[in-house]
Amino acid sequence: MASMSAYTKGDWCALGRTITLTPVSIHPGARCTAGVWTDLWGEMAQFNLEVIDPDTWTYIALKSITQDWVHGWELQTVSWTAQRSDVVLRFAVVQRNPYWHAAEVDLDDVVVQCAY
């Protein structure tokens, strides 16, 4: 479980790590999915679920969602065809245009699965 906040316009906070997709070195082209349960809330809040190439720091896959005040736990997923065995999995919360309140997200139960 993790919690993150962003307070001013354009502010963001991210949590990520490099992970190894074990079947990809033997089975290139495996279909992978990353998932995390989120509770996103706040005024003009945005959440990004990112899969990043660690060599070029470009997105391999990206899911971006926005919320304005309405919140509750939701499963967010993003899928990609794996061409490399190491990727950066990162979660970010962004404050798009604040008025009074921060953009906040709670995260739980991260899973990454690949099938070939």
PDB file of N, CA and C in Angstrom:
ATOM      1  N   MET A   1       0.848  -1.175   0.000  1.00  0.00           N
ATOM      2  CA  MET A   1       0.000   0.000   0.000  1.00  0.00           C
ATOM      3  C   MET A   1       0.891   1.234   0.000  1.00  0.00           C
ATOM      4  N   ALA A   2       0.527   2.196  -0.791  1.00  0.00           N
ATOM      5  CA  ALA A   2       1.264   3.456  -0.860  1.00  0.00           C
ATOM      6  C   ALA A   2       0.269   4.591  -1.070  1.00  0.00           C
ATOM      7  N   SER A   3       0.640   5.776  -0.634  1.00  0.00           N
ATOM      8  CA  SER A   3      -0.158   6.984  -0.850  1.00  0.00           C
ATOM      9  C   SER A   3       0.754   8.072  -1.389  1.00  0.00           C
ATOM     10  N   MET A   4       0.243   8.847  -2.347  1.00  0.00           N
ATOM     11  CA  MET A   4       1.011   9.946  -2.931  1.00  0.00           C
ATOM     12  C   MET A   4       0.109  11.155  -3.113  1.00  0.00           C
ATOM     13  N   SER A   5       0.710  12.354  -3.061  1.00  0.00           N
ATOM     14  CA  SER A   5      -0.036  13.598  -3.239  1.00  0.00           C
ATOM     15  C   SER A   5       0.738  14.555  -4.121  1.00  0.00           C
ATOM     16  N   ALA A   6       0.006  15.404  -4.840  1.00  0.00           N
ATOM     17  CA  ALA A   6       0.565  16.509  -5.624  1.00  0.00           C
ATOM     18  C   ALA A   6      -0.250  17.749  -5.278  1.00  0.00           C
ATOM     19  N   TYR A   7       0.427  18.858  -4.983  1.00  0.00           N
ATOM     20  CA  TYR A   7      -0.265  19.996  -4.388  1.00  0.00           C
ATOM     21  C   TYR A   7      -0.479  21.202  -5.289  1.00  0.00           C
ATOM     22  N   THR A   8       0.436  21.547  -6.162  1.00  0.00           N
ATOM     23  CA  THR A   8       0.298  22.762  -6.958  1.00  0.00           C
ATOM     24  C   THR A   8       0.210  22.420  -8.440  1.00  0.00           C
ATOM     25  N   LYS A   9      -0.253  23.359  -9.256  1.00  0.00           N
ATOM     26  CA  LYS A   9      -0.438  23.119 -10.688  1.00  0.00           C
ATOM     27  C   LYS A   9       0.856  22.592 -11.307  1.00  0.00           C
ATOM     28  N   GLY A  10       0.726  21.481 -12.004  1.00  0.00           N
ATOM     29  CA  GLY A  10       1.875  20.868 -12.649  1.00  0.00           C
ATOM     30  C   GLY A  10       2.715  19.998 -11.730  1.00  0.00           C
ATOM     31  N   ASP A  11       2.394  19.985 -10.447  1.00  0.00           N
ATOM     32  CA  ASP A  11       3.128  19.172  -9.487  1.00  0.00           C
ATOM     33  C   ASP A  11       2.812  17.699  -9.721  1.00  0.00           C
ATOM     34  N   TRP A  12       3.790  16.839  -9.479  1.00  0.00           N
ATOM     35  CA  TRP A  12       3.555  15.405  -9.616  1.00  0.00           C
ATOM     36  C   TRP A  12       4.439  14.663  -8.634  1.00  0.00           C
ATOM     37  N   CYS A  13       4.032  13.458  -8.345  1.00  0.00           N
ATOM     38  CA  CYS A  13       4.779  12.574  -7.455  1.00  0.00           C
ATOM     39  C   CYS A  13       4.726  11.183  -8.069  1.00  0.00           C
ATOM     40  N   ALA A  14       5.872  10.489  -8.079  1.00  0.00           N
ATOM     41  CA  ALA A  14       5.914   9.176  -8.729  1.00  0.00           C
ATOM     42  C   ALA A  14       6.650   8.168  -7.859  1.00  0.00           C
ATOM     43  N   LEU A  15       6.274   6.922  -8.040  1.00  0.00           N
ATOM     44  CA  LEU A  15       6.898   5.787  -7.375  1.00  0.00           C
ATOM     45  C   LEU A  15       7.108   4.732  -8.440  1.00  0.00           C
ATOM     46  N   GLY A  16       8.335   4.228  -8.578  1.00  0.00           N
ATOM     47  CA  GLY A  16       8.587   3.234  -9.606  1.00  0.00           C
ATOM     48  C   GLY A  16       9.799   2.382  -9.289  1.00  0.00           C
ATOM     49  N   ARG A  17       9.949   1.314 -10.073  1.00  0.00           N
ATOM     50  CA  ARG A  17      11.117   0.454  -9.944  1.00  0.00           C
ATOM     51  C   ARG A  17      11.291  -0.350 -11.219  1.00  0.00           C
ATOM     52  N   THR A  18      12.524  -0.771 -11.454  1.00  0.00           N
ATOM     53  CA  THR A  18      12.808  -1.641 -12.586  1.00  0.00           C
ATOM     54  C   THR A  18      12.413  -3.060 -12.210  1.00  0.00           C
ATOM     55  N   ILE A  19      11.692  -3.725 -13.109  1.00  0.00           N
ATOM     56  CA  ILE A  19      11.284  -5.106 -12.879  1.00  0.00           C
ATOM     57  C   ILE A  19      11.773  -5.971 -14.031  1.00  0.00           C
ATOM     58  N   THR A  20      11.930  -7.261 -13.774  1.00  0.00           N
ATOM     59  CA  THR A  20      12.352  -8.217 -14.792  1.00  0.00           C
ATOM     60  C   THR A  20      11.190  -9.136 -15.132  1.00  0.00           C
ATOM     61  N   LEU A  21      10.873  -9.205 -16.408  1.00  0.00           N
ATOM     62  CA  LEU A  21       9.791 -10.055 -16.910  1.00  0.00           C
ATOM     63  C   LEU A  21      10.429 -11.376 -17.327  1.00  0.00           C
ATOM     64  N   THR A  22      10.397 -12.352 -16.453  1.00  0.00           N
ATOM     65  CA  THR A  22      11.172 -13.586 -16.656  1.00  0.00           C
ATOM     66  C   THR A  22      10.840 -14.377 -17.914  1.00  0.00           C
ATOM     67  N   PRO A  23       9.595 -14.429 -18.399  1.00  0.00           N
ATOM     68  CA  PRO A  23       9.392 -15.253 -19.597  1.00  0.00           C
ATOM     69  C   PRO A  23       9.872 -14.591 -20.885  1.00  0.00           C
ATOM     70  N   VAL A  24      10.151 -13.299 -20.861  1.00  0.00           N
ATOM     71  CA  VAL A  24      10.427 -12.568 -22.098  1.00  0.00           C
ATOM     72  C   VAL A  24      11.764 -12.962 -22.718  1.00  0.00           C
ATOM     73  N   SER A  25      12.772 -13.253 -21.917  1.00  0.00           N
ATOM     74  CA  SER A  25      14.068 -13.623 -22.491  1.00  0.00           C
ATOM     75  C   SER A  25      13.971 -14.938 -23.278  1.00  0.00           C
ATOM     76  N   ILE A  26      13.083 -15.820 -22.876  1.00  0.00           N
ATOM     77  CA  ILE A  26      12.887 -17.100 -23.567  1.00  0.00           C
ATOM     78  C   ILE A  26      11.783 -16.990 -24.619  1.00  0.00           C
ATOM     79  N   HIS A  27      10.770 -16.165 -24.345  1.00  0.00           N
ATOM     80  CA  HIS A  27       9.607 -16.024 -25.225  1.00  0.00           C
ATOM     81  C   HIS A  27       9.393 -14.555 -25.591  1.00  0.00           C
ATOM     82  N   PRO A  28      10.242 -13.961 -26.447  1.00  0.00           N
ATOM     83  CA  PRO A  28      10.004 -12.572 -26.852  1.00  0.00           C
ATOM     84  C   PRO A  28       8.631 -12.441 -27.494  1.00  0.00           C
ATOM     85  N   GLY A  29       7.998 -11.325 -27.258  1.00  0.00           N
ATOM     86  CA  GLY A  29       6.658 -11.110 -27.795  1.00  0.00           C
ATOM     87  C   GLY A  29       5.561 -11.558 -26.854  1.00  0.00           C
ATOM     88  N   ALA A  30       5.935 -11.926 -25.622  1.00  0.00           N
ATOM     89  CA  ALA A  30       4.923 -12.289 -24.627  1.00  0.00           C
ATOM     90  C   ALA A  30       3.999 -11.093 -24.399  1.00  0.00           C
ATOM     91  N   ARG A  31       2.743 -11.359 -24.123  1.00  0.00           N
ATOM     92  CA  ARG A  31       1.770 -10.301 -23.834  1.00  0.00           C
ATOM     93  C   ARG A  31       1.743 -10.101 -22.322  1.00  0.00           C
ATOM     94  N   CYS A  32       2.031  -8.876 -21.876  1.00  0.00           N
ATOM     95  CA  CYS A  32       2.109  -8.584 -20.443  1.00  0.00           C
ATOM     96  C   CYS A  32       1.043  -7.563 -20.041  1.00  0.00           C
ATOM     97  N   THR A  33       0.613  -7.670 -18.795  1.00  0.00           N
ATOM     98  CA  THR A  33      -0.349  -6.732 -18.220  1.00  0.00           C
ATOM     99  C   THR A  33       0.103  -6.369 -16.819  1.00  0.00           C
ATOM    100  N   ALA A  34       0.055  -5.084 -16.508  1.00  0.00           N
ATOM    101  CA  ALA A  34       0.314  -4.591 -15.152  1.00  0.00           C
ATOM    102  C   ALA A  34      -1.002  -4.058 -14.605  1.00  0.00           C
ATOM    103  N   GLY A  35      -1.253  -4.317 -13.341  1.00  0.00           N
ATOM    104  CA  GLY A  35      -2.478  -3.840 -12.719  1.00  0.00           C
ATOM    105  C   GLY A  35      -2.220  -3.343 -11.317  1.00  0.00           C
ATOM    106  N   VAL A  36      -3.011  -2.372 -10.892  1.00  0.00           N
ATOM    107  CA  VAL A  36      -2.929  -1.833  -9.532  1.00  0.00           C
ATOM    108  C   VAL A  36      -4.312  -1.295  -9.157  1.00  0.00           C
ATOM    109  N   TRP A  37      -4.688  -1.515  -7.915  1.00  0.00           N
ATOM    110  CA  TRP A  37      -5.923  -0.927  -7.399  1.00  0.00           C
ATOM    111  C   TRP A  37      -5.616   0.500  -6.964  1.00  0.00           C
ATOM    112  N   THR A  38      -6.469   1.453  -7.387  1.00  0.00           N
ATOM    113  CA  THR A  38      -6.260   2.872  -7.061  1.00  0.00           C
ATOM    114  C   THR A  38      -7.499   3.477  -6.425  1.00  0.00           C
ATOM    115  N   ASP A  39      -7.251   4.428  -5.562  1.00  0.00           N
ATOM    116  CA  ASP A  39      -8.297   5.313  -5.042  1.00  0.00           C
ATOM    117  C   ASP A  39      -7.795   6.728  -5.295  1.00  0.00           C
ATOM    118  N   LEU A  40      -8.199   7.305  -6.435  1.00  0.00           N
ATOM    119  CA  LEU A  40      -7.752   8.632  -6.867  1.00  0.00           C
ATOM    120  C   LEU A  40      -8.804   9.655  -6.509  1.00  0.00           C
ATOM    121  N   TRP A  41      -8.361  10.759  -5.912  1.00  0.00           N
ATOM    122  CA  TRP A  41      -9.325  11.794  -5.589  1.00  0.00           C
ATOM    123  C   TRP A  41      -8.644  13.145  -5.480  1.00  0.00           C
ATOM    124  N   GLY A  42      -9.481  14.154  -5.417  1.00  0.00           N
ATOM    125  CA  GLY A  42      -9.000  15.528  -5.339  1.00  0.00           C
ATOM    126  C   GLY A  42      -9.465  16.300  -6.551  1.00  0.00           C
ATOM    127  N   GLU A  43      -9.214  17.578  -6.505  1.00  0.00           N
ATOM    128  CA  GLU A  43      -9.638  18.472  -7.570  1.00  0.00           C
ATOM    129  C   GLU A  43      -8.647  18.396  -8.730  1.00  0.00           C
ATOM    130  N   MET A  44      -9.121  18.070  -9.930  1.00  0.00           N
ATOM    131  CA  MET A  44      -8.293  18.009 -11.140  1.00  0.00           C
ATOM    132  C   MET A  44      -7.164  16.988 -11.020  1.00  0.00           C
ATOM    133  N   ALA A  45      -7.450  15.838 -10.421  1.00  0.00           N
ATOM    134  CA  ALA A  45      -6.447  14.798 -10.188  1.00  0.00           C
ATOM    135  C   ALA A  45      -6.254  13.935 -11.431  1.00  0.00           C
ATOM    136  N   GLN A  46      -5.004  13.494 -11.638  1.00  0.00           N
ATOM    137  CA  GLN A  46      -4.673  12.584 -12.732  1.00  0.00           C
ATOM    138  C   GLN A  46      -3.753  11.501 -12.183  1.00  0.00           C
ATOM    139  N   PHE A  47      -3.968  10.264 -12.663  1.00  0.00           N
ATOM    140  CA  PHE A  47      -3.104   9.140 -12.294  1.00  0.00           C
ATOM    141  C   PHE A  47      -2.564   8.500 -13.560  1.00  0.00           C
ATOM    142  N   ASN A  48      -1.269   8.197 -13.574  1.00  0.00           N
ATOM    143  CA  ASN A  48      -0.639   7.504 -14.695  1.00  0.00           C
ATOM    144  C   ASN A  48      -0.096   6.162 -14.226  1.00  0.00           C
ATOM    145  N   LEU A  49      -0.415   5.129 -14.975  1.00  0.00           N
ATOM    146  CA  LEU A  49       0.185   3.801 -14.825  1.00  0.00           C
ATOM    147  C   LEU A  49       1.115   3.654 -16.028  1.00  0.00           C
ATOM    148  N   GLU A  50       2.431   3.614 -15.788  1.00  0.00           N
ATOM    149  CA  GLU A  50       3.426   3.747 -16.844  1.00  0.00           C
ATOM    150  C   GLU A  50       4.341   2.522 -16.907  1.00  0.00           C
ATOM    151  N   VAL A  51       4.616   2.071 -18.115  1.00  0.00           N
ATOM    152  CA  VAL A  51       5.646   1.067 -18.363  1.00  0.00           C
ATOM    153  C   VAL A  51       6.667   1.766 -19.261  1.00  0.00           C
ATOM    154  N   ILE A  52       7.922   1.819 -18.804  1.00  0.00           N
ATOM    155  CA  ILE A  52       8.939   2.665 -19.435  1.00  0.00           C
ATOM    156  C   ILE A  52      10.144   1.830 -19.859  1.00  0.00           C
ATOM    157  N   ASP A  53      10.696   2.162 -21.032  1.00  0.00           N
ATOM    158  CA  ASP A  53      11.943   1.563 -21.499  1.00  0.00           C
ATOM    159  C   ASP A  53      13.087   2.223 -20.718  1.00  0.00           C
ATOM    160  N   PRO A  54      13.852   1.464 -19.927  1.00  0.00           N
ATOM    161  CA  PRO A  54      14.885   2.075 -19.091  1.00  0.00           C
ATOM    162  C   PRO A  54      16.084   2.613 -19.881  1.00  0.00           C
ATOM    163  N   ASP A  55      16.255   2.218 -21.134  1.00  0.00           N
ATOM    164  CA  ASP A  55      17.362   2.732 -21.939  1.00  0.00           C
ATOM    165  C   ASP A  55      17.055   4.103 -22.533  1.00  0.00           C
ATOM    166  N   THR A  56      15.812   4.289 -22.993  1.00  0.00           N
ATOM    167  CA  THR A  56      15.438   5.538 -23.661  1.00  0.00           C
ATOM    168  C   THR A  56      14.528   6.422 -22.817  1.00  0.00           C
ATOM    169  N   TRP A  57      14.020   5.877 -21.732  1.00  0.00           N
ATOM    170  CA  TRP A  57      13.071   6.553 -20.842  1.00  0.00           C
ATOM    171  C   TRP A  57      11.826   7.019 -21.604  1.00  0.00           C
ATOM    172  N   THR A  58      11.374   6.206 -22.557  1.00  0.00           N
ATOM    173  CA  THR A  58      10.132   6.471 -23.281  1.00  0.00           C
ATOM    174  C   THR A  58       9.091   5.441 -22.869  1.00  0.00           C
ATOM    175  N   TYR A  59       7.827   5.815 -23.052  1.00  0.00           N
ATOM    176  CA  TYR A  59       6.740   4.919 -22.679  1.00  0.00           C
ATOM    177  C   TYR A  59       6.664   3.720 -23.604  1.00  0.00           C
ATOM    178  N   ILE A  60       6.544   2.547 -23.017  1.00  0.00           N
ATOM    179  CA  ILE A  60       6.183   1.336 -23.736  1.00  0.00           C
ATOM    180  C   ILE A  60       4.667   1.200 -23.693  1.00  0.00           C
ATOM    181  N   ALA A  61       4.086   1.538 -22.545  1.00  0.00           N
ATOM    182  CA  ALA A  61       2.629   1.524 -22.360  1.00  0.00           C
ATOM    183  C   ALA A  61       2.273   2.588 -21.326  1.00  0.00           C
ATOM    184  N   LEU A  62       1.103   3.175 -21.486  1.00  0.00           N
ATOM    185  CA  LEU A  62       0.656   4.236 -20.579  1.00  0.00           C
ATOM    186  C   LEU A  62      -0.856   4.189 -20.454  1.00  0.00           C
ATOM    187  N   LYS A  63      -1.336   4.226 -19.210  1.00  0.00           N
ATOM    188  CA  LYS A  63      -2.758   4.441 -18.955  1.00  0.00           C
ATOM    189  C   LYS A  63      -2.867   5.660 -18.064  1.00  0.00           C
ATOM    190  N   SER A  64      -3.657   6.615 -18.490  1.00  0.00           N
ATOM    191  CA  SER A  64      -3.841   7.856 -17.751  1.00  0.00           C
ATOM    192  C   SER A  64      -5.328   8.037 -17.473  1.00  0.00           C
ATOM    193  N   ILE A  65      -5.666   8.306 -16.219  1.00  0.00           N
ATOM    194  CA  ILE A  65      -7.068   8.551 -15.860  1.00  0.00           C
ATOM    195  C   ILE A  65      -7.157   9.869 -15.107  1.00  0.00           C
ATOM    196  N   THR A  66      -8.306  10.503 -15.185  1.00  0.00           N
ATOM    197  CA  THR A  66      -8.547  11.753 -14.460  1.00  0.00           C
ATOM    198  C   THR A  66      -9.788  11.620 -13.600  1.00  0.00           C
ATOM    199  N   GLN A  67      -9.802  12.380 -12.533  1.00  0.00           N
ATOM    200  CA  GLN A  67     -10.942  12.412 -11.612  1.00  0.00           C
ATOM    201  C   GLN A  67     -11.132  13.832 -11.120  1.00  0.00           C
ATOM    202  N   ASP A  68     -12.339  14.185 -10.810  1.00  0.00           N
ATOM    203  CA  ASP A  68     -12.647  15.426 -10.118  1.00  0.00           C
ATOM    204  C   ASP A  68     -13.596  15.101  -8.977  1.00  0.00           C
ATOM    205  N   TRP A  69     -13.023  14.904  -7.819  1.00  0.00           N
ATOM    206  CA  TRP A  69     -13.716  14.689  -6.554  1.00  0.00           C
ATOM    207  C   TRP A  69     -14.293  13.302  -6.359  1.00  0.00           C
ATOM    208  N   VAL A  70     -14.847  12.697  -7.391  1.00  0.00           N
ATOM    209  CA  VAL A  70     -15.432  11.375  -7.225  1.00  0.00           C
ATOM    210  C   VAL A  70     -14.303  10.383  -6.998  1.00  0.00           C
ATOM    211  N   HIS A  71     -14.450   9.522  -5.995  1.00  0.00           N
ATOM    212  CA  HIS A  71     -13.388   8.540  -5.793  1.00  0.00           C
ATOM    213  C   HIS A  71     -13.952   7.250  -5.239  1.00  0.00           C
ATOM    214  N   GLY A  72     -13.151   6.233  -5.302  1.00  0.00           N
ATOM    215  CA  GLY A  72     -13.471   4.893  -4.857  1.00  0.00           C
ATOM    216  C   GLY A  72     -12.437   3.969  -5.473  1.00  0.00           C
ATOM    217  N   TRP A  73     -12.295   2.817  -4.924  1.00  0.00           N
ATOM    218  CA  TRP A  73     -11.270   1.884  -5.404  1.00  0.00           C
ATOM    219  C   TRP A  73     -11.641   1.341  -6.775  1.00  0.00           C
ATOM    220  N   GLU A  74     -10.677   1.410  -7.711  1.00  0.00           N
ATOM    221  CA  GLU A  74     -10.850   0.893  -9.070  1.00  0.00           C
ATOM    222  C   GLU A  74      -9.576   0.179  -9.492  1.00  0.00           C
ATOM    223  N   LEU A  75      -9.722  -0.887 -10.267  1.00  0.00           N
ATOM    224  CA  LEU A  75      -8.573  -1.590 -10.818  1.00  0.00           C
ATOM    225  C   LEU A  75      -8.153  -0.910 -12.121  1.00  0.00           C
ATOM    226  N   GLN A  76      -6.890  -0.501 -12.193  1.00  0.00           N
ATOM    227  CA  GLN A  76      -6.327   0.093 -13.411  1.00  0.00           C
ATOM    228  C   GLN A  76      -5.367  -0.922 -14.028  1.00  0.00           C
ATOM    229  N   THR A  77      -5.455  -1.125 -15.334  1.00  0.00           N
ATOM    230  CA  THR A  77      -4.553  -2.061 -16.002  1.00  0.00           C
ATOM    231  C   THR A  77      -4.014  -1.426 -17.282  1.00  0.00           C
ATOM    232  N   VAL A  78      -2.837  -1.903 -17.686  1.00  0.00           N
ATOM    233  CA  VAL A  78      -2.250  -1.513 -18.959  1.00  0.00           C
ATOM    234  C   VAL A  78      -1.538  -2.746 -19.514  1.00  0.00           C
ATOM    235  N   SER A  79      -1.638  -2.972 -20.839  1.00  0.00           N
ATOM    236  CA  SER A  79      -1.047  -4.154 -21.463  1.00  0.00           C
ATOM    237  C   SER A  79      -0.094  -3.742 -22.576  1.00  0.00           C
ATOM    238  N   TRP A  80       0.871  -4.621 -22.857  1.00  0.00           N
ATOM    239  CA  TRP A  80       1.832  -4.376 -23.924  1.00  0.00           C
ATOM    240  C   TRP A  80       2.428  -5.698 -24.380  1.00  0.00           C
ATOM    241  N   THR A  81       3.008  -5.686 -25.576  1.00  0.00           N
ATOM    242  CA  THR A  81       3.748  -6.834 -26.088  1.00  0.00           C
ATOM    243  C   THR A  81       5.210  -6.621 -25.724  1.00  0.00           C
ATOM    244  N   ALA A  82       5.739  -7.506 -24.908  1.00  0.00           N
ATOM    245  CA  ALA A  82       7.086  -7.324 -24.352  1.00  0.00           C
ATOM    246  C   ALA A  82       8.157  -7.658 -25.384  1.00  0.00           C
ATOM    247  N   GLN A  83       9.072  -6.730 -25.585  1.00  0.00           N
ATOM    248  CA  GLN A  83      10.214  -6.938 -26.471  1.00  0.00           C
ATOM    249  C   GLN A  83      11.518  -6.967 -25.685  1.00  0.00           C
ATOM    250  N   ARG A  84      11.457  -6.658 -24.405  1.00  0.00           N
ATOM    251  CA  ARG A  84      12.639  -6.673 -23.545  1.00  0.00           C
ATOM    252  C   ARG A  84      12.232  -7.218 -22.187  1.00  0.00           C
ATOM    253  N   SER A  85      13.193  -7.762 -21.458  1.00  0.00           N
ATOM    254  CA  SER A  85      12.856  -8.395 -20.181  1.00  0.00           C
ATOM    255  C   SER A  85      12.906  -7.442 -18.997  1.00  0.00           C
ATOM    256  N   ASP A  86      13.523  -6.265 -19.145  1.00  0.00           N
ATOM    257  CA  ASP A  86      13.551  -5.298 -18.044  1.00  0.00           C
ATOM    258  C   ASP A  86      12.792  -4.039 -18.446  1.00  0.00           C
ATOM    259  N   VAL A  87      11.892  -3.611 -17.586  1.00  0.00           N
ATOM    260  CA  VAL A  87      11.119  -2.388 -17.794  1.00  0.00           C
ATOM    261  C   VAL A  87      11.000  -1.662 -16.454  1.00  0.00           C
ATOM    262  N   VAL A  88      10.692  -0.385 -16.532  1.00  0.00           N
ATOM    263  CA  VAL A  88      10.392   0.387 -15.328  1.00  0.00           C
ATOM    264  C   VAL A  88       8.875   0.463 -15.209  1.00  0.00           C
ATOM    265  N   LEU A  89       8.355   0.031 -14.074  1.00  0.00           N
ATOM    266  CA  LEU A  89       6.936   0.169 -13.770  1.00  0.00           C
ATOM    267  C   LEU A  89       6.816   1.357 -12.827  1.00  0.00           C
ATOM    268  N   ARG A  90       6.038   2.362 -13.243  1.00  0.00           N
ATOM    269  CA  ARG A  90       5.955   3.595 -12.447  1.00  0.00           C
ATOM    270  C   ARG A  90       4.507   4.039 -12.308  1.00  0.00           C
ATOM    271  N   PHE A  91       4.194   4.577 -11.140  1.00  0.00           N
ATOM    272  CA  PHE A  91       2.880   5.147 -10.836  1.00  0.00           C
ATOM    273  C   PHE A  91       3.095   6.626 -10.540  1.00  0.00           C
ATOM    274  N   ALA A  92       2.249   7.478 -11.094  1.00  0.00           N
ATOM    275  CA  ALA A  92       2.393   8.914 -10.867  1.00  0.00           C
ATOM    276  C   ALA A  92       1.033   9.550 -10.620  1.00  0.00           C
ATOM    277  N   VAL A  93       1.009  10.507  -9.706  1.00  0.00           N
ATOM    278  CA  VAL A  93      -0.176  11.332  -9.493  1.00  0.00           C
ATOM    279  C   VAL A  93       0.201  12.758  -9.904  1.00  0.00           C
ATOM    280  N   VAL A  94      -0.727  13.411 -10.618  1.00  0.00           N
ATOM    281  CA  VAL A  94      -0.462  14.732 -11.178  1.00  0.00           C
ATOM    282  C   VAL A  94      -1.583  15.676 -10.764  1.00  0.00           C
ATOM    283  N   GLN A  95      -1.210  16.898 -10.387  1.00  0.00           N
ATOM    284  CA  GLN A  95      -2.195  17.951 -10.113  1.00  0.00           C
ATOM    285  C   GLN A  95      -2.295  18.790 -11.383  1.00  0.00           C
ATOM    286  N   ARG A  96      -3.415  18.685 -12.090  1.00  0.00           N
ATOM    287  CA  ARG A  96      -3.561  19.340 -13.391  1.00  0.00           C
ATOM    288  C   ARG A  96      -3.820  20.837 -13.285  1.00  0.00           C
ATOM    289  N   ASN A  97      -4.648  21.268 -12.342  1.00  0.00           N
ATOM    290  CA  ASN A  97      -4.994  22.687 -12.239  1.00  0.00           C
ATOM    291  C   ASN A  97      -5.699  22.922 -10.908  1.00  0.00           C
ATOM    292  N   PRO A  98      -4.961  23.119  -9.826  1.00  0.00           N
ATOM    293  CA  PRO A  98      -5.577  23.144  -8.499  1.00  0.00           C
ATOM    294  C   PRO A  98      -6.362  24.415  -8.215  1.00  0.00           C
ATOM    295  N   TYR A  99      -7.269  24.255  -7.325  1.00  0.00           N
ATOM    296  CA  TYR A  99      -7.979  25.386  -6.766  1.00  0.00           C
ATOM    297  C   TYR A  99      -7.728  25.409  -5.264  1.00  0.00           C
ATOM    298  N   TRP A 100      -8.253  24.422  -4.547  1.00  0.00           N
ATOM    299  CA  TRP A 100      -8.042  24.376  -3.105  1.00  0.00           C
ATOM    300  C   TRP A 100      -7.387  23.095  -2.608  1.00  0.00           C
ATOM    301  N   HIS A 101      -7.569  22.005  -3.316  1.00  0.00           N
ATOM    302  CA  HIS A 101      -7.198  20.709  -2.761  1.00  0.00           C
ATOM    303  C   HIS A 101      -6.170  19.966  -3.606  1.00  0.00           C
ATOM    304  N   ALA A 102      -5.413  19.120  -2.956  1.00  0.00           N
ATOM    305  CA  ALA A 102      -4.380  18.329  -3.619  1.00  0.00           C
ATOM    306  C   ALA A 102      -4.996  17.179  -4.418  1.00  0.00           C
ATOM    307  N   ALA A 103      -4.218  16.685  -5.386  1.00  0.00           N
ATOM    308  CA  ALA A 103      -4.533  15.437  -6.074  1.00  0.00           C
ATOM    309  C   ALA A 103      -3.874  14.333  -5.256  1.00  0.00           C
ATOM    310  N   GLU A 104      -4.629  13.309  -4.924  1.00  0.00           N
ATOM    311  CA  GLU A 104      -4.093  12.240  -4.088  1.00  0.00           C
ATOM    312  C   GLU A 104      -4.501  10.884  -4.638  1.00  0.00           C
ATOM    313  N   VAL A 105      -3.626   9.888  -4.424  1.00  0.00           N
ATOM    314  CA  VAL A 105      -3.941   8.527  -4.848  1.00  0.00           C
ATOM    315  C   VAL A 105      -3.429   7.555  -3.795  1.00  0.00           C
ATOM    316  N   ASP A 106      -4.229   6.558  -3.511  1.00  0.00           N
ATOM    317  CA  ASP A 106      -3.809   5.412  -2.702  1.00  0.00           C
ATOM    318  C   ASP A 106      -3.675   4.237  -3.663  1.00  0.00           C
ATOM    319  N   LEU A 107      -2.632   3.428  -3.481  1.00  0.00           N
ATOM    320  CA  LEU A 107      -2.348   2.286  -4.344  1.00  0.00           C
ATOM    321  C   LEU A 107      -2.312   1.011  -3.521  1.00  0.00           C
ATOM    322  N   ASP A 108      -2.740  -0.093  -4.125  1.00  0.00           N
ATOM    323  CA  ASP A 108      -2.690  -1.382  -3.432  1.00  0.00           C
ATOM    324  C   ASP A 108      -2.661  -2.522  -4.461  1.00  0.00           C
ATOM    325  N   ASP A 109      -2.067  -3.634  -4.063  1.00  0.00           N
ATOM    326  CA  ASP A 109      -2.108  -4.894  -4.815  1.00  0.00           C
ATOM    327  C   ASP A 109      -1.619  -4.772  -6.261  1.00  0.00           C
ATOM    328  N   VAL A 110      -0.345  -4.482  -6.431  1.00  0.00           N
ATOM    329  CA  VAL A 110       0.267  -4.403  -7.759  1.00  0.00           C
ATOM    330  C   VAL A 110       0.543  -5.813  -8.271  1.00  0.00           C
ATOM    331  N   VAL A 111       0.178  -6.078  -9.538  1.00  0.00           N
ATOM    332  CA  VAL A 111       0.437  -7.377 -10.162  1.00  0.00           C
ATOM    333  C   VAL A 111       0.916  -7.132 -11.588  1.00  0.00           C
ATOM    334  N   VAL A 112       1.951  -7.875 -12.001  1.00  0.00           N
ATOM    335  CA  VAL A 112       2.396  -7.903 -13.396  1.00  0.00           C
ATOM    336  C   VAL A 112       2.414  -9.363 -13.834  1.00  0.00           C
ATOM    337  N   GLN A 113       1.734  -9.637 -14.952  1.00  0.00           N
ATOM    338  CA  GLN A 113       1.678 -11.011 -15.469  1.00  0.00           C
ATOM    339  C   GLN A 113       1.964 -10.996 -16.959  1.00  0.00           C
ATOM    340  N   CYS A 114       2.670 -12.030 -17.428  1.00  0.00           N
ATOM    341  CA  CYS A 114       2.953 -12.197 -18.850  1.00  0.00           C
ATOM    342  C   CYS A 114       2.509 -13.583 -19.295  1.00  0.00           C
ATOM    343  N   ALA A 115       1.996 -13.653 -20.518  1.00  0.00           N
ATOM    344  CA  ALA A 115       1.585 -14.938 -21.095  1.00  0.00           C
ATOM    345  C   ALA A 115       2.173 -15.037 -22.487  1.00  0.00           C
ATOM    346  N   TYR A 116       2.466 -16.257 -22.898  1.00  0.00           N
ATOM    347  CA  TYR A 116       3.042 -16.478 -24.219  1.00  0.00           C
ATOM    348  C   TYR A 116       2.403 -17.677 -24.866  1.00  0.00           C
TER     349      TYR A 116
END
